[in-house]
Amino acid sequence: MTTGRIFRERISRAELARMAEERFGDWIKAVVDVSREVMAIGGDLHADDEAALLADGSRQRDLWGINLYPAETGGDWIEFDSMINLRPSEGNRSRGVDDEQIRARIREVVGSLVAPE
């Protein structure tokens, strides 16, 4: 099991691409804490990134799983797809992120932590 690394400061797309190549090729898993504005990247599973953030003080309801494609541009570089997003009791009935406001918040946090190159 590989636990994700928590990022509180900016990471370059080039570094993200290197991490992705080491893991899955052209993409990498990440979990975003929309409240604390931090992100864990690089776990084998989204649950591994989630566990790292929970151990760091995050709240479950603030965590959302995504996949990042560093070589892509525009909206295609963030994919909202993770088993940890399945939360029927909270109104999220898919592996995606059903609420557009939450998706927008995820994009903001990712944008603040990943430097455009």
Protein backbone atom coordinates (compact mmCIF):
# COMPACT_ATOMS: atom_id res chain seq x y z
CA MET A 1 0.00 0.00 0.00
CA THR A 2 1.30 3.39 -1.00
CA THR A 3 -0.04 6.31 1.00
CA GLY A 4 -0.49 9.61 -0.75
CA ARG A 5 1.62 12.63 -0.01
CA ILE A 6 -0.15 15.70 1.35
CA PHE A 7 0.40 18.95 -0.53
CA ARG A 8 -0.15 22.28 1.16
CA GLU A 9 2.11 24.22 -1.19
CA ARG A 10 2.20 24.42 -4.97
CA ILE A 11 3.41 21.52 -7.08
CA SER A 12 4.42 21.91 -10.71
CA ARG A 13 2.67 20.06 -13.51
CA ALA A 14 6.06 18.58 -14.39
CA GLU A 15 6.43 17.09 -10.90
CA LEU A 16 2.85 15.86 -11.05
CA ALA A 17 3.59 14.23 -14.43
CA ARG A 18 6.65 12.49 -12.94
CA MET A 19 4.55 11.19 -10.07
CA ALA A 20 1.88 10.01 -12.51
CA GLU A 21 4.42 8.16 -14.65
CA GLU A 22 5.68 6.31 -11.57
CA ARG A 23 2.15 5.25 -10.62
CA PHE A 24 -0.31 4.76 -13.49
CA GLY A 25 1.32 6.30 -16.54
CA ASP A 26 -0.46 9.44 -17.68
CA TRP A 27 -2.73 9.99 -14.68
CA ILE A 28 -2.63 9.93 -10.88
CA LYS A 29 -5.15 9.63 -8.08
CA ALA A 30 -5.73 12.48 -5.65
CA VAL A 31 -8.09 13.43 -2.85
CA VAL A 32 -8.96 17.08 -2.25
CA ASP A 33 -10.01 18.58 1.08
CA VAL A 34 -12.27 21.42 -0.04
CA SER A 35 -12.33 22.97 3.43
CA ARG A 36 -8.64 22.91 4.38
CA GLU A 37 -7.49 23.51 0.78
CA VAL A 38 -4.99 20.63 0.80
CA MET A 39 -4.64 17.61 -1.43
CA ALA A 40 -3.16 14.13 -1.06
CA ILE A 41 -1.66 12.67 -4.21
CA GLY A 42 -0.17 9.35 -5.17
CA GLY A 43 -1.85 6.63 -3.14
CA ASP A 44 -2.52 3.21 -4.66
CA LEU A 45 -6.22 3.86 -4.01
CA HIS A 46 -8.18 7.03 -3.37
CA ALA A 47 -8.84 5.49 0.05
CA ASP A 48 -5.09 5.67 0.77
CA ASP A 49 -5.02 9.39 0.01
CA GLU A 50 -8.21 9.80 2.02
CA ALA A 51 -6.64 7.99 5.01
CA ALA A 52 -3.60 10.29 4.90
CA LEU A 53 -5.83 13.37 5.02
CA LEU A 54 -8.05 11.97 7.77
CA ALA A 55 -4.95 11.24 9.86
CA ASP A 56 -3.88 14.85 9.23
CA GLY A 57 -7.13 16.26 10.61
CA SER A 58 -9.47 16.41 7.62
CA ARG A 59 -13.20 15.68 7.94
CA GLN A 60 -14.70 12.95 5.78
CA ARG A 61 -17.43 15.21 4.37
CA ASP A 62 -14.79 17.58 2.97
CA LEU A 63 -12.87 14.92 1.00
CA TRP A 64 -13.44 14.19 -2.68
CA GLY A 65 -11.57 11.78 -4.94
CA ILE A 66 -10.36 12.80 -8.38
CA ASN A 67 -7.93 11.69 -11.05
CA LEU A 68 -5.46 14.14 -12.56
CA TYR A 69 -4.10 13.96 -16.11
CA PRO A 70 -1.11 16.38 -16.05
CA ALA A 71 -0.60 16.41 -19.84
CA GLU A 72 -4.21 17.43 -20.53
CA THR A 73 -5.47 20.99 -20.57
CA GLY A 74 -8.74 22.71 -19.84
CA GLY A 75 -11.46 20.74 -18.10
CA ASP A 76 -10.13 17.41 -19.32
CA TRP A 77 -7.28 17.27 -16.85
CA ILE A 78 -9.49 16.69 -13.78
CA GLU A 79 -11.70 13.61 -13.72
CA PHE A 80 -14.30 13.39 -10.96
CA ASP A 81 -14.39 9.63 -10.41
CA SER A 82 -13.76 7.74 -7.18
CA MET A 83 -15.44 5.17 -5.00
CA ILE A 84 -14.95 7.46 -1.99
CA ASN A 85 -17.37 9.92 -3.60
CA LEU A 86 -20.28 7.48 -3.28
CA ARG A 87 -22.29 9.03 -0.44
CA PRO A 88 -25.99 8.36 -0.88
CA SER A 89 -26.76 9.59 2.66
CA GLU A 90 -25.24 12.96 1.69
CA GLY A 91 -26.97 13.12 -1.68
CA ASN A 92 -24.01 12.03 -3.84
CA ARG A 93 -25.24 8.86 -5.52
CA SER A 94 -22.42 8.37 -8.01
CA ARG A 95 -18.67 7.90 -8.14
CA GLY A 96 -18.54 11.39 -9.59
CA VAL A 97 -19.23 14.67 -7.80
CA ASP A 98 -22.88 15.45 -8.46
CA ASP A 99 -22.92 18.98 -7.01
CA GLU A 100 -21.55 21.59 -9.43
CA GLN A 101 -20.59 23.90 -6.53
CA ILE A 102 -18.41 21.17 -5.02
CA ARG A 103 -16.85 20.44 -8.43
CA ALA A 104 -16.08 24.17 -8.77
CA ARG A 105 -14.54 24.23 -5.29
CA ILE A 106 -12.39 21.18 -6.15
CA ARG A 107 -11.18 22.96 -9.30
CA GLU A 108 -10.29 26.04 -7.21
CA VAL A 109 -8.28 24.04 -4.70
CA VAL A 110 -6.49 22.06 -7.41
CA GLY A 111 -5.81 25.29 -9.30
CA SER A 112 -4.27 26.87 -6.21
CA LEU A 113 -2.03 23.84 -5.56
CA VAL A 114 -0.92 22.92 -9.09
CA ALA A 115 1.12 25.54 -10.90
CA PRO A 116 0.13 26.05 -14.55
CA GLU A 117 3.12 25.53 -16.77
